[in-house]
């Protein structure tokens, strides 16, 4: 008989902290419900250089996000960190201070076919250039802050506790200033298993 692997305690704690945080924020729970099909997937840790920067300084939290941020920091060494872009697209410094975890979703630590949740980090002084994707997206800033930009929307300087909605295929960008930013990002709708698109700098 096959026995399902047990999730590392830190990843279970992070999942539960995300669920609890979503439950306290109507904007998140209304955007997409927490999936009822979450199934643990045994993904080995995959570090990226940005993890060290996150652990050193992930920016200021607020009372509503502090517990979640601590759960991210505890889970970071056990997570399957990813980077969407190439050095040609974003530069070596960007890749050295950026990374994301798919907490739940089609390729997540916890499988779901109905929604996607990411934890994503960018260090201070980074320019996340214009990109887009089919799935609708809701950012929650959990620590630090950044300037968010999107086509047909005013720029917005966001900090811990603030949210930002991006529509399907709506180009958007982000710039961190003197502070890093840590976010919880939710995806819904068509394109759930897709990836962001960024113009080829050589084109």
N, C-alpha and C. Protein backbone atom coordinates (compact mmCIF):
# COMPACT_ATOMS: atom_id res chain seq x y z
N UNK A 1 0.85 -1.19 0.00
CA UNK A 1 0.00 0.00 0.00
C UNK A 1 0.89 1.24 0.00
N UNK A 2 0.58 2.19 -0.90
CA UNK A 2 1.33 3.42 -0.95
C UNK A 2 0.91 4.34 0.19
N UNK A 3 1.90 4.96 0.81
CA UNK A 3 1.64 5.89 1.91
C UNK A 3 2.01 7.29 1.44
N UNK A 4 1.07 8.21 1.53
CA UNK A 4 1.34 9.58 1.12
C UNK A 4 2.37 10.21 2.05
N UNK A 5 3.33 10.96 1.49
CA UNK A 5 4.34 11.59 2.35
C UNK A 5 3.70 12.66 3.22
N UNK A 6 4.28 12.86 4.37
CA UNK A 6 3.81 13.90 5.27
C UNK A 6 4.50 15.23 4.92
N UNK A 7 3.76 16.32 4.85
CA UNK A 7 4.40 17.60 4.55
C UNK A 7 5.28 18.05 5.70
N UNK A 8 6.42 18.69 5.39
CA UNK A 8 7.24 19.26 6.47
C UNK A 8 6.40 20.22 7.30
N UNK A 9 6.64 20.22 8.59
CA UNK A 9 5.85 21.04 9.50
C UNK A 9 5.85 22.50 9.07
N UNK A 10 7.00 23.01 8.63
CA UNK A 10 7.08 24.42 8.25
C UNK A 10 6.18 24.73 7.07
N UNK A 11 6.06 23.80 6.10
CA UNK A 11 5.19 24.05 4.95
C UNK A 11 3.72 23.96 5.35
N UNK A 12 3.39 23.04 6.24
CA UNK A 12 2.02 22.96 6.73
C UNK A 12 1.65 24.23 7.48
N UNK A 13 2.58 24.72 8.30
CA UNK A 13 2.35 25.95 9.05
C UNK A 13 2.15 27.13 8.10
N UNK A 14 2.94 27.18 7.03
CA UNK A 14 2.80 28.26 6.06
C UNK A 14 1.46 28.18 5.35
N UNK A 15 1.06 26.98 4.95
CA UNK A 15 -0.25 26.81 4.32
C UNK A 15 -1.35 27.31 5.26
N UNK A 16 -1.30 26.88 6.51
CA UNK A 16 -2.35 27.25 7.47
C UNK A 16 -2.33 28.76 7.74
N UNK A 17 -1.14 29.35 7.76
CA UNK A 17 -1.06 30.79 7.98
C UNK A 17 -1.66 31.56 6.80
N UNK A 18 -1.45 31.05 5.58
CA UNK A 18 -2.05 31.68 4.40
C UNK A 18 -3.56 31.58 4.45
N UNK A 19 -4.07 30.42 4.81
CA UNK A 19 -5.51 30.23 4.90
C UNK A 19 -6.11 31.17 5.95
N UNK A 20 -5.43 31.27 7.10
CA UNK A 20 -5.92 32.15 8.17
C UNK A 20 -5.89 33.61 7.73
N UNK A 21 -4.82 34.02 7.03
CA UNK A 21 -4.72 35.40 6.57
C UNK A 21 -5.81 35.72 5.56
N UNK A 22 -6.05 34.82 4.62
CA UNK A 22 -7.11 35.03 3.62
C UNK A 22 -8.47 35.18 4.30
N UNK A 23 -8.68 34.39 5.35
CA UNK A 23 -9.97 34.44 6.05
C UNK A 23 -10.21 35.79 6.72
N UNK A 24 -9.14 36.50 7.07
CA UNK A 24 -9.29 37.80 7.74
C UNK A 24 -9.42 38.96 6.77
N UNK A 25 -9.22 38.70 5.47
CA UNK A 25 -9.20 39.79 4.50
C UNK A 25 -10.28 39.54 3.44
N UNK A 26 -11.40 40.26 3.53
CA UNK A 26 -12.50 40.04 2.58
C UNK A 26 -12.10 40.17 1.12
N UNK A 27 -11.15 41.07 0.82
CA UNK A 27 -10.74 41.23 -0.57
C UNK A 27 -10.13 39.95 -1.13
N UNK A 28 -9.40 39.22 -0.30
CA UNK A 28 -8.78 37.98 -0.75
C UNK A 28 -9.79 36.85 -0.82
N UNK A 29 -10.58 36.67 0.22
CA UNK A 29 -11.53 35.56 0.23
C UNK A 29 -12.61 35.73 -0.82
N UNK A 30 -12.94 36.99 -1.19
CA UNK A 30 -13.92 37.22 -2.24
C UNK A 30 -13.32 36.99 -3.63
N UNK A 31 -12.01 37.20 -3.75
CA UNK A 31 -11.35 37.03 -5.05
C UNK A 31 -11.36 35.58 -5.48
N UNK A 32 -10.95 34.69 -4.59
CA UNK A 32 -10.98 33.26 -4.89
C UNK A 32 -10.99 32.49 -3.57
N UNK A 33 -11.92 31.57 -3.38
CA UNK A 33 -11.95 30.80 -2.13
C UNK A 33 -10.70 29.94 -1.98
N UNK A 34 -10.36 29.65 -0.73
CA UNK A 34 -9.29 28.68 -0.48
C UNK A 34 -9.73 27.34 -1.07
N UNK A 35 -8.90 26.70 -1.88
CA UNK A 35 -9.32 25.45 -2.52
C UNK A 35 -9.66 24.37 -1.51
N UNK A 36 -10.61 23.52 -1.88
CA UNK A 36 -10.97 22.39 -1.01
C UNK A 36 -10.33 21.09 -1.50
N UNK A 37 -9.39 21.21 -2.47
CA UNK A 37 -8.74 20.01 -3.02
C UNK A 37 -7.24 20.00 -2.73
N UNK A 38 -6.79 20.72 -1.70
CA UNK A 38 -5.36 20.81 -1.43
C UNK A 38 -4.79 19.45 -1.04
N UNK A 39 -3.77 19.03 -1.77
CA UNK A 39 -3.12 17.74 -1.55
C UNK A 39 -1.62 17.95 -1.53
N UNK A 40 -0.95 17.51 -0.48
CA UNK A 40 0.49 17.71 -0.37
C UNK A 40 1.24 16.99 -1.48
N UNK A 41 2.25 17.70 -2.04
CA UNK A 41 3.16 17.15 -3.04
C UNK A 41 4.57 17.24 -2.47
N UNK A 42 5.31 16.16 -2.52
CA UNK A 42 6.64 16.10 -1.92
C UNK A 42 7.65 16.75 -2.85
N UNK A 43 7.84 18.04 -2.71
CA UNK A 43 8.78 18.79 -3.55
C UNK A 43 10.04 19.09 -2.73
N UNK A 44 11.20 18.69 -3.22
CA UNK A 44 12.43 18.94 -2.46
C UNK A 44 12.75 20.42 -2.42
N UNK A 45 13.47 20.86 -1.40
CA UNK A 45 13.87 22.26 -1.33
C UNK A 45 14.71 22.66 -2.55
N UNK A 46 14.48 23.87 -3.01
CA UNK A 46 15.26 24.43 -4.12
C UNK A 46 15.57 25.88 -3.79
N UNK A 47 16.73 26.15 -3.21
CA UNK A 47 17.05 27.51 -2.81
C UNK A 47 17.41 28.40 -4.00
N UNK A 48 17.20 29.69 -3.85
CA UNK A 48 17.69 30.70 -4.78
C UNK A 48 18.40 31.76 -3.95
N UNK A 49 19.29 32.56 -4.56
CA UNK A 49 20.03 33.55 -3.77
C UNK A 49 19.15 34.53 -3.01
N UNK A 50 17.97 34.81 -3.53
CA UNK A 50 17.09 35.77 -2.88
C UNK A 50 16.63 35.34 -1.50
N UNK A 51 16.69 34.05 -1.18
CA UNK A 51 16.25 33.58 0.14
C UNK A 51 17.08 34.22 1.24
N UNK A 52 18.37 34.35 1.03
CA UNK A 52 19.23 34.97 2.03
C UNK A 52 18.84 36.42 2.28
N UNK A 53 18.45 37.12 1.22
CA UNK A 53 18.02 38.51 1.37
C UNK A 53 16.69 38.59 2.11
N UNK A 54 15.78 37.67 1.81
CA UNK A 54 14.50 37.63 2.51
C UNK A 54 14.72 37.41 4.01
N UNK A 55 15.59 36.47 4.35
CA UNK A 55 15.83 36.17 5.76
C UNK A 55 16.53 37.32 6.47
N UNK A 56 17.34 38.07 5.73
CA UNK A 56 18.05 39.20 6.34
C UNK A 56 17.14 40.40 6.54
N UNK A 57 16.25 40.65 5.56
CA UNK A 57 15.36 41.82 5.64
C UNK A 57 14.24 41.66 4.63
N UNK A 58 13.03 41.48 5.13
CA UNK A 58 11.88 41.39 4.22
C UNK A 58 10.95 42.58 4.37
N UNK A 59 11.38 43.62 5.08
CA UNK A 59 10.59 44.83 5.20
C UNK A 59 9.63 44.79 6.38
N UNK A 60 9.00 45.93 6.63
CA UNK A 60 8.11 46.08 7.78
C UNK A 60 6.77 45.38 7.53
N UNK A 61 6.25 44.75 8.57
CA UNK A 61 4.94 44.12 8.51
C UNK A 61 3.92 45.02 9.22
N UNK A 62 2.68 44.55 9.29
CA UNK A 62 1.72 45.17 10.19
C UNK A 62 1.10 44.08 11.06
N UNK A 63 0.20 44.45 11.94
CA UNK A 63 -0.35 43.47 12.89
C UNK A 63 -1.07 42.33 12.18
N UNK A 64 -1.67 42.63 11.02
CA UNK A 64 -2.43 41.61 10.32
C UNK A 64 -1.60 40.62 9.53
N UNK A 65 -0.37 40.99 9.19
CA UNK A 65 0.44 40.13 8.34
C UNK A 65 1.67 39.54 9.04
N UNK A 66 1.95 39.95 10.25
CA UNK A 66 3.19 39.56 10.92
C UNK A 66 3.31 38.04 11.08
N UNK A 67 2.23 37.37 11.49
CA UNK A 67 2.28 35.92 11.69
C UNK A 67 2.59 35.20 10.39
N UNK A 68 1.96 35.64 9.30
CA UNK A 68 2.21 35.02 8.00
C UNK A 68 3.67 35.22 7.59
N UNK A 69 4.19 36.42 7.77
CA UNK A 69 5.58 36.69 7.39
C UNK A 69 6.54 35.79 8.17
N UNK A 70 6.31 35.61 9.44
CA UNK A 70 7.16 34.73 10.22
C UNK A 70 7.08 33.29 9.71
N UNK A 71 5.90 32.87 9.27
CA UNK A 71 5.75 31.53 8.71
C UNK A 71 6.52 31.37 7.41
N UNK A 72 6.54 32.43 6.59
CA UNK A 72 7.33 32.41 5.36
C UNK A 72 8.81 32.25 5.69
N UNK A 73 9.29 33.01 6.63
CA UNK A 73 10.72 32.96 6.99
C UNK A 73 11.10 31.57 7.52
N UNK A 74 10.21 30.96 8.29
CA UNK A 74 10.49 29.63 8.83
C UNK A 74 10.46 28.55 7.74
N UNK A 75 9.59 28.74 6.75
CA UNK A 75 9.45 27.74 5.69
C UNK A 75 10.47 27.92 4.57
N UNK A 76 11.08 29.09 4.47
CA UNK A 76 11.94 29.42 3.33
C UNK A 76 13.01 28.36 3.04
N UNK A 77 13.71 27.82 4.04
CA UNK A 77 14.75 26.83 3.74
C UNK A 77 14.21 25.50 3.20
N UNK A 78 12.91 25.24 3.36
CA UNK A 78 12.33 23.96 2.95
C UNK A 78 11.53 24.08 1.65
N UNK A 79 11.49 25.26 1.04
CA UNK A 79 10.60 25.52 -0.08
C UNK A 79 11.27 25.29 -1.43
N UNK A 80 10.43 25.04 -2.41
CA UNK A 80 10.85 24.89 -3.80
C UNK A 80 10.77 26.26 -4.46
N UNK A 81 11.82 27.06 -4.33
CA UNK A 81 11.85 28.41 -4.86
C UNK A 81 12.04 28.41 -6.38
N UNK A 82 11.36 29.32 -7.05
CA UNK A 82 11.41 29.40 -8.50
C UNK A 82 11.72 30.82 -8.95
N UNK A 83 12.13 30.94 -10.23
CA UNK A 83 12.34 32.24 -10.87
C UNK A 83 11.81 32.13 -12.31
N UNK A 84 10.92 33.00 -12.67
CA UNK A 84 10.25 32.90 -13.97
C UNK A 84 11.14 33.34 -15.11
N UNK A 85 12.02 34.29 -14.87
CA UNK A 85 12.65 35.03 -15.96
C UNK A 85 14.12 34.65 -16.13
N UNK A 86 14.67 35.08 -17.27
CA UNK A 86 16.08 34.83 -17.57
C UNK A 86 16.91 36.07 -17.27
N UNK A 87 18.21 35.88 -17.19
CA UNK A 87 19.11 37.01 -16.96
C UNK A 87 19.01 38.03 -18.09
N UNK A 88 18.79 37.55 -19.32
CA UNK A 88 18.64 38.47 -20.46
C UNK A 88 17.42 39.36 -20.29
N UNK A 89 16.38 38.85 -19.64
CA UNK A 89 15.16 39.63 -19.47
C UNK A 89 15.24 40.62 -18.31
N UNK A 90 15.84 40.20 -17.20
CA UNK A 90 15.75 41.03 -15.99
C UNK A 90 17.10 41.40 -15.39
N UNK A 91 18.18 40.76 -15.79
CA UNK A 91 19.50 41.08 -15.27
C UNK A 91 19.91 40.21 -14.10
N UNK A 92 21.20 40.11 -13.87
CA UNK A 92 21.74 39.23 -12.83
C UNK A 92 21.38 39.72 -11.44
N UNK A 93 21.38 41.04 -11.21
CA UNK A 93 21.08 41.55 -9.89
C UNK A 93 19.64 41.24 -9.50
N UNK A 94 18.72 41.36 -10.44
CA UNK A 94 17.33 41.02 -10.19
C UNK A 94 17.21 39.56 -9.76
N UNK A 95 17.84 38.66 -10.50
CA UNK A 95 17.75 37.23 -10.17
C UNK A 95 18.40 36.92 -8.83
N UNK A 96 19.38 37.71 -8.42
CA UNK A 96 20.07 37.46 -7.15
C UNK A 96 19.23 37.85 -5.95
N UNK A 97 18.15 38.63 -6.18
CA UNK A 97 17.39 39.15 -5.04
C UNK A 97 15.88 39.00 -5.25
N UNK A 98 15.51 37.88 -5.87
CA UNK A 98 14.09 37.65 -6.21
C UNK A 98 13.83 36.15 -6.21
N UNK A 99 12.59 35.79 -5.90
CA UNK A 99 12.17 34.39 -6.00
C UNK A 99 10.74 34.23 -5.51
N UNK A 100 10.14 33.09 -5.87
CA UNK A 100 8.77 32.83 -5.46
C UNK A 100 8.55 31.34 -5.20
N UNK A 101 7.57 31.09 -4.35
CA UNK A 101 7.12 29.74 -4.01
C UNK A 101 5.69 29.59 -4.50
N UNK A 102 5.39 28.50 -5.17
CA UNK A 102 3.97 28.18 -5.44
C UNK A 102 3.48 27.36 -4.24
N UNK A 103 2.75 28.03 -3.36
CA UNK A 103 2.27 27.36 -2.15
C UNK A 103 1.21 26.35 -2.48
N UNK A 104 0.18 26.78 -3.23
CA UNK A 104 -0.77 25.81 -3.78
C UNK A 104 -1.11 26.17 -5.21
N UNK A 105 -1.45 25.15 -5.99
CA UNK A 105 -1.75 25.33 -7.40
C UNK A 105 -1.35 24.09 -8.17
N UNK A 106 -1.38 24.16 -9.51
CA UNK A 106 -1.06 23.00 -10.34
C UNK A 106 0.33 22.43 -10.12
N UNK A 107 1.31 23.29 -9.76
CA UNK A 107 2.67 22.83 -9.47
C UNK A 107 3.10 23.20 -8.05
N UNK A 108 2.15 23.32 -7.14
CA UNK A 108 2.43 23.81 -5.81
C UNK A 108 2.89 22.76 -4.83
N UNK A 109 3.34 23.22 -3.68
CA UNK A 109 3.63 22.31 -2.57
C UNK A 109 2.35 21.58 -2.16
N UNK A 110 1.22 22.23 -2.38
CA UNK A 110 -0.09 21.62 -2.17
C UNK A 110 -0.86 21.75 -3.48
N UNK A 111 -1.14 20.62 -4.11
CA UNK A 111 -1.79 20.65 -5.42
C UNK A 111 -3.21 21.18 -5.32
N UNK A 112 -3.56 22.03 -6.26
CA UNK A 112 -4.95 22.44 -6.47
C UNK A 112 -5.16 22.70 -7.95
N UNK A 113 -6.30 22.28 -8.46
CA UNK A 113 -6.66 22.55 -9.86
C UNK A 113 -7.56 23.76 -9.98
N UNK A 114 -7.90 24.42 -8.87
CA UNK A 114 -8.90 25.48 -8.90
C UNK A 114 -8.36 26.86 -8.59
N UNK A 115 -7.19 26.97 -8.00
CA UNK A 115 -6.63 28.28 -7.64
C UNK A 115 -5.13 28.13 -7.46
N UNK A 116 -4.45 29.28 -7.47
CA UNK A 116 -3.01 29.30 -7.27
C UNK A 116 -2.67 30.35 -6.22
N UNK A 117 -1.74 30.03 -5.33
CA UNK A 117 -1.26 30.98 -4.33
C UNK A 117 0.26 30.96 -4.33
N UNK A 118 0.85 32.12 -4.47
CA UNK A 118 2.30 32.27 -4.47
C UNK A 118 2.74 33.08 -3.27
N UNK A 119 3.95 32.83 -2.84
CA UNK A 119 4.68 33.74 -1.97
C UNK A 119 5.84 34.27 -2.81
N UNK A 120 5.92 35.60 -2.96
CA UNK A 120 6.93 36.17 -3.86
C UNK A 120 7.68 37.30 -3.17
N UNK A 121 8.99 37.35 -3.41
CA UNK A 121 9.88 38.32 -2.75
C UNK A 121 10.73 39.04 -3.80
N UNK A 122 10.89 40.36 -3.60
CA UNK A 122 11.83 41.16 -4.38
C UNK A 122 12.63 42.03 -3.42
N UNK A 123 13.93 42.11 -3.65
CA UNK A 123 14.77 42.96 -2.83
C UNK A 123 14.59 44.43 -3.14
N UNK A 124 15.23 45.29 -2.37
CA UNK A 124 15.14 46.73 -2.56
C UNK A 124 15.81 47.15 -3.87
N UNK A 125 15.27 48.20 -4.47
CA UNK A 125 15.90 48.80 -5.64
C UNK A 125 15.80 47.97 -6.91
N UNK A 126 14.72 47.22 -7.07
CA UNK A 126 14.54 46.39 -8.27
C UNK A 126 13.40 46.94 -9.13
N UNK A 127 13.57 46.81 -10.44
CA UNK A 127 12.56 47.23 -11.41
C UNK A 127 12.00 45.97 -12.07
N UNK A 128 10.77 45.61 -11.69
CA UNK A 128 10.09 44.45 -12.26
C UNK A 128 9.31 44.96 -13.47
N UNK A 129 9.86 44.74 -14.64
CA UNK A 129 9.38 45.39 -15.86
C UNK A 129 7.99 44.89 -16.26
N UNK A 130 7.44 45.53 -17.28
CA UNK A 130 6.08 45.21 -17.75
C UNK A 130 5.96 43.75 -18.15
N UNK A 131 4.88 43.12 -17.71
CA UNK A 131 4.61 41.72 -18.01
C UNK A 131 3.10 41.51 -17.90
N UNK A 132 2.62 40.34 -18.31
CA UNK A 132 1.19 40.05 -18.28
C UNK A 132 0.98 38.54 -18.28
N UNK A 133 -0.24 38.13 -17.96
CA UNK A 133 -0.60 36.71 -17.96
C UNK A 133 -2.11 36.60 -18.06
N UNK A 134 -2.57 35.43 -18.49
CA UNK A 134 -4.01 35.25 -18.72
C UNK A 134 -4.80 35.23 -17.43
N UNK A 135 -4.28 34.60 -16.39
CA UNK A 135 -5.02 34.50 -15.13
C UNK A 135 -5.17 35.88 -14.49
N UNK A 136 -6.29 36.09 -13.83
CA UNK A 136 -6.46 37.27 -12.99
C UNK A 136 -5.63 37.10 -11.72
N UNK A 137 -5.19 38.23 -11.17
CA UNK A 137 -4.20 38.18 -10.08
C UNK A 137 -4.55 39.21 -9.01
N UNK A 138 -4.39 38.80 -7.76
CA UNK A 138 -4.54 39.74 -6.65
C UNK A 138 -3.30 39.65 -5.77
N UNK A 139 -2.61 40.78 -5.63
CA UNK A 139 -1.46 40.89 -4.74
C UNK A 139 -1.92 41.35 -3.36
N UNK A 140 -1.35 40.76 -2.33
CA UNK A 140 -1.40 41.31 -0.98
C UNK A 140 0.03 41.56 -0.54
N UNK A 141 0.35 42.80 -0.20
CA UNK A 141 1.67 43.10 0.36
C UNK A 141 1.65 42.65 1.82
N UNK A 142 2.58 41.77 2.19
CA UNK A 142 2.63 41.31 3.57
C UNK A 142 3.78 41.95 4.36
N UNK A 143 4.79 42.44 3.66
CA UNK A 143 5.84 43.21 4.32
C UNK A 143 6.56 44.05 3.27
N UNK A 144 7.18 45.13 3.75
CA UNK A 144 7.87 46.03 2.84
C UNK A 144 6.89 46.85 2.02
N UNK A 145 7.30 47.18 0.80
CA UNK A 145 6.44 47.98 -0.06
C UNK A 145 7.06 48.22 -1.41
N UNK A 146 6.24 48.73 -2.35
CA UNK A 146 6.71 49.00 -3.71
C UNK A 146 5.71 49.89 -4.42
N UNK A 147 6.13 50.41 -5.56
CA UNK A 147 5.27 51.16 -6.46
C UNK A 147 4.71 50.20 -7.50
N UNK A 148 3.40 50.07 -7.56
CA UNK A 148 2.73 49.20 -8.52
C UNK A 148 2.20 50.03 -9.68
N UNK A 149 2.40 49.52 -10.87
CA UNK A 149 1.94 50.18 -12.09
C UNK A 149 1.13 49.18 -12.91
N UNK A 150 0.10 49.66 -13.61
CA UNK A 150 -0.71 48.80 -14.47
C UNK A 150 -1.35 49.66 -15.55
N UNK A 151 -1.51 49.09 -16.73
CA UNK A 151 -2.14 49.81 -17.84
C UNK A 151 -3.57 50.19 -17.47
N UNK A 152 -3.92 51.44 -17.76
CA UNK A 152 -5.26 51.98 -17.50
C UNK A 152 -5.59 52.08 -16.03
N UNK A 153 -4.58 52.11 -15.17
CA UNK A 153 -4.77 52.31 -13.74
C UNK A 153 -3.73 53.29 -13.23
N UNK A 154 -4.06 54.09 -12.21
CA UNK A 154 -3.04 54.98 -11.64
C UNK A 154 -1.98 54.18 -10.88
N UNK A 155 -0.77 54.73 -10.85
CA UNK A 155 0.28 54.11 -10.04
C UNK A 155 -0.14 54.16 -8.57
N UNK A 156 0.33 53.17 -7.80
CA UNK A 156 -0.02 53.10 -6.38
C UNK A 156 1.18 52.63 -5.58
N UNK A 157 1.53 53.38 -4.55
CA UNK A 157 2.58 52.97 -3.61
C UNK A 157 1.91 52.16 -2.50
N UNK A 158 2.24 50.88 -2.42
CA UNK A 158 1.58 49.96 -1.49
C UNK A 158 2.53 49.50 -0.41
N UNK A 159 1.98 49.24 0.76
CA UNK A 159 2.74 48.71 1.89
C UNK A 159 1.94 47.59 2.54
N UNK A 160 2.44 47.06 3.65
CA UNK A 160 1.83 45.87 4.27
C UNK A 160 0.34 46.08 4.53
N UNK A 161 -0.44 45.10 4.08
CA UNK A 161 -1.89 45.14 4.23
C UNK A 161 -2.64 45.63 3.02
N UNK A 162 -1.92 46.22 2.03
CA UNK A 162 -2.56 46.73 0.81
C UNK A 162 -2.67 45.65 -0.25
N UNK A 163 -3.68 45.79 -1.13
CA UNK A 163 -3.89 44.83 -2.21
C UNK A 163 -3.89 45.54 -3.55
N UNK A 164 -3.68 44.75 -4.61
CA UNK A 164 -3.69 45.28 -5.98
C UNK A 164 -4.21 44.18 -6.91
N UNK A 165 -5.23 44.51 -7.69
CA UNK A 165 -5.84 43.58 -8.64
C UNK A 165 -5.31 43.82 -10.03
N UNK A 166 -4.93 42.74 -10.73
CA UNK A 166 -4.56 42.80 -12.14
C UNK A 166 -5.52 41.91 -12.93
N UNK A 167 -6.10 42.47 -13.98
CA UNK A 167 -7.05 41.73 -14.80
C UNK A 167 -6.32 40.82 -15.78
N UNK A 168 -7.08 39.96 -16.43
CA UNK A 168 -6.50 39.03 -17.40
C UNK A 168 -5.79 39.79 -18.51
N UNK A 169 -4.52 39.43 -18.73
CA UNK A 169 -3.68 40.01 -19.79
C UNK A 169 -3.49 41.52 -19.65
N UNK A 170 -3.68 42.08 -18.47
CA UNK A 170 -3.42 43.50 -18.24
C UNK A 170 -1.94 43.71 -17.94
N UNK A 171 -1.21 44.45 -18.77
CA UNK A 171 0.20 44.68 -18.49
C UNK A 171 0.38 45.42 -17.16
N UNK A 172 1.35 44.98 -16.40
CA UNK A 172 1.63 45.60 -15.11
C UNK A 172 3.11 45.48 -14.79
N UNK A 173 3.55 46.30 -13.84
CA UNK A 173 4.97 46.37 -13.48
C UNK A 173 5.06 46.79 -12.01
N UNK A 174 6.28 46.72 -11.46
CA UNK A 174 6.47 47.06 -10.06
C UNK A 174 7.91 47.54 -9.85
N UNK A 175 8.07 48.49 -8.95
CA UNK A 175 9.40 48.99 -8.61
C UNK A 175 9.54 49.04 -7.09
N UNK A 176 10.58 48.41 -6.58
CA UNK A 176 10.90 48.57 -5.16
C UNK A 176 11.87 49.73 -5.00
N UNK A 177 11.73 50.46 -3.92
CA UNK A 177 12.62 51.57 -3.64
C UNK A 177 13.65 51.19 -2.60
N UNK A 178 13.63 51.88 -1.46
CA UNK A 178 14.63 51.60 -0.43
C UNK A 178 14.27 50.35 0.38
N UNK A 179 13.06 49.84 0.20
CA UNK A 179 12.61 48.66 0.94
C UNK A 179 12.38 47.48 0.02
N UNK A 180 12.57 46.24 0.52
CA UNK A 180 12.15 45.05 -0.22
C UNK A 180 10.63 44.91 -0.13
N UNK A 181 10.12 43.88 -0.78
CA UNK A 181 8.70 43.58 -0.67
C UNK A 181 8.48 42.08 -0.65
N UNK A 182 7.58 41.64 0.23
CA UNK A 182 7.16 40.24 0.30
C UNK A 182 5.65 40.24 0.11
N UNK A 183 5.16 39.34 -0.73
CA UNK A 183 3.75 39.35 -1.12
C UNK A 183 3.14 37.95 -1.08
N UNK A 184 1.84 37.92 -0.89
CA UNK A 184 1.03 36.73 -1.14
C UNK A 184 0.21 37.05 -2.38
N UNK A 185 0.29 36.20 -3.40
CA UNK A 185 -0.32 36.47 -4.69
C UNK A 185 -1.29 35.34 -5.02
N UNK A 186 -2.53 35.70 -5.36
CA UNK A 186 -3.55 34.72 -5.73
C UNK A 186 -3.88 34.83 -7.21
N UNK A 187 -4.06 33.69 -7.85
CA UNK A 187 -4.49 33.63 -9.25
C UNK A 187 -5.81 32.87 -9.34
N UNK A 188 -6.63 33.29 -10.34
CA UNK A 188 -7.88 32.59 -10.60
C UNK A 188 -8.19 32.65 -12.09
N UNK A 189 -9.07 31.74 -12.53
CA UNK A 189 -9.60 31.80 -13.88
C UNK A 189 -8.75 31.09 -14.91
N UNK A 190 -9.08 31.29 -16.22
CA UNK A 190 -8.29 30.69 -17.30
C UNK A 190 -6.83 31.09 -17.22
N UNK A 191 -5.96 30.18 -17.64
CA UNK A 191 -4.54 30.44 -17.59
C UNK A 191 -3.92 30.16 -16.23
N UNK A 192 -4.63 29.43 -15.39
CA UNK A 192 -4.15 29.17 -14.04
C UNK A 192 -2.79 28.47 -14.04
N UNK A 193 -2.54 27.63 -15.03
CA UNK A 193 -1.26 26.91 -15.09
C UNK A 193 -0.28 27.57 -16.04
N UNK A 194 -0.54 28.82 -16.42
CA UNK A 194 0.34 29.54 -17.32
C UNK A 194 1.45 30.26 -16.59
N UNK A 195 2.22 31.05 -17.35
CA UNK A 195 3.33 31.82 -16.79
C UNK A 195 3.22 33.26 -17.28
N UNK A 196 3.81 34.21 -16.54
CA UNK A 196 3.84 35.59 -17.03
C UNK A 196 4.68 35.71 -18.30
N UNK A 197 4.30 36.66 -19.13
CA UNK A 197 5.03 36.95 -20.36
C UNK A 197 5.69 38.33 -20.23
N UNK A 198 6.94 38.41 -20.68
CA UNK A 198 7.68 39.65 -20.66
C UNK A 198 8.33 39.82 -22.02
N UNK A 199 8.30 41.04 -22.59
CA UNK A 199 8.90 41.22 -23.92
C UNK A 199 10.35 40.78 -23.94
N UNK A 200 10.76 40.21 -25.05
CA UNK A 200 12.14 39.80 -25.25
C UNK A 200 12.99 41.04 -25.49
N UNK A 201 14.00 41.30 -24.64
CA UNK A 201 14.80 42.51 -24.82
C UNK A 201 15.56 42.54 -26.14
N UNK A 202 15.76 41.37 -26.77
CA UNK A 202 16.50 41.31 -28.03
C UNK A 202 15.60 41.52 -29.23
N UNK A 203 14.26 41.54 -28.99
CA UNK A 203 13.34 41.66 -30.13
C UNK A 203 13.31 43.08 -30.67
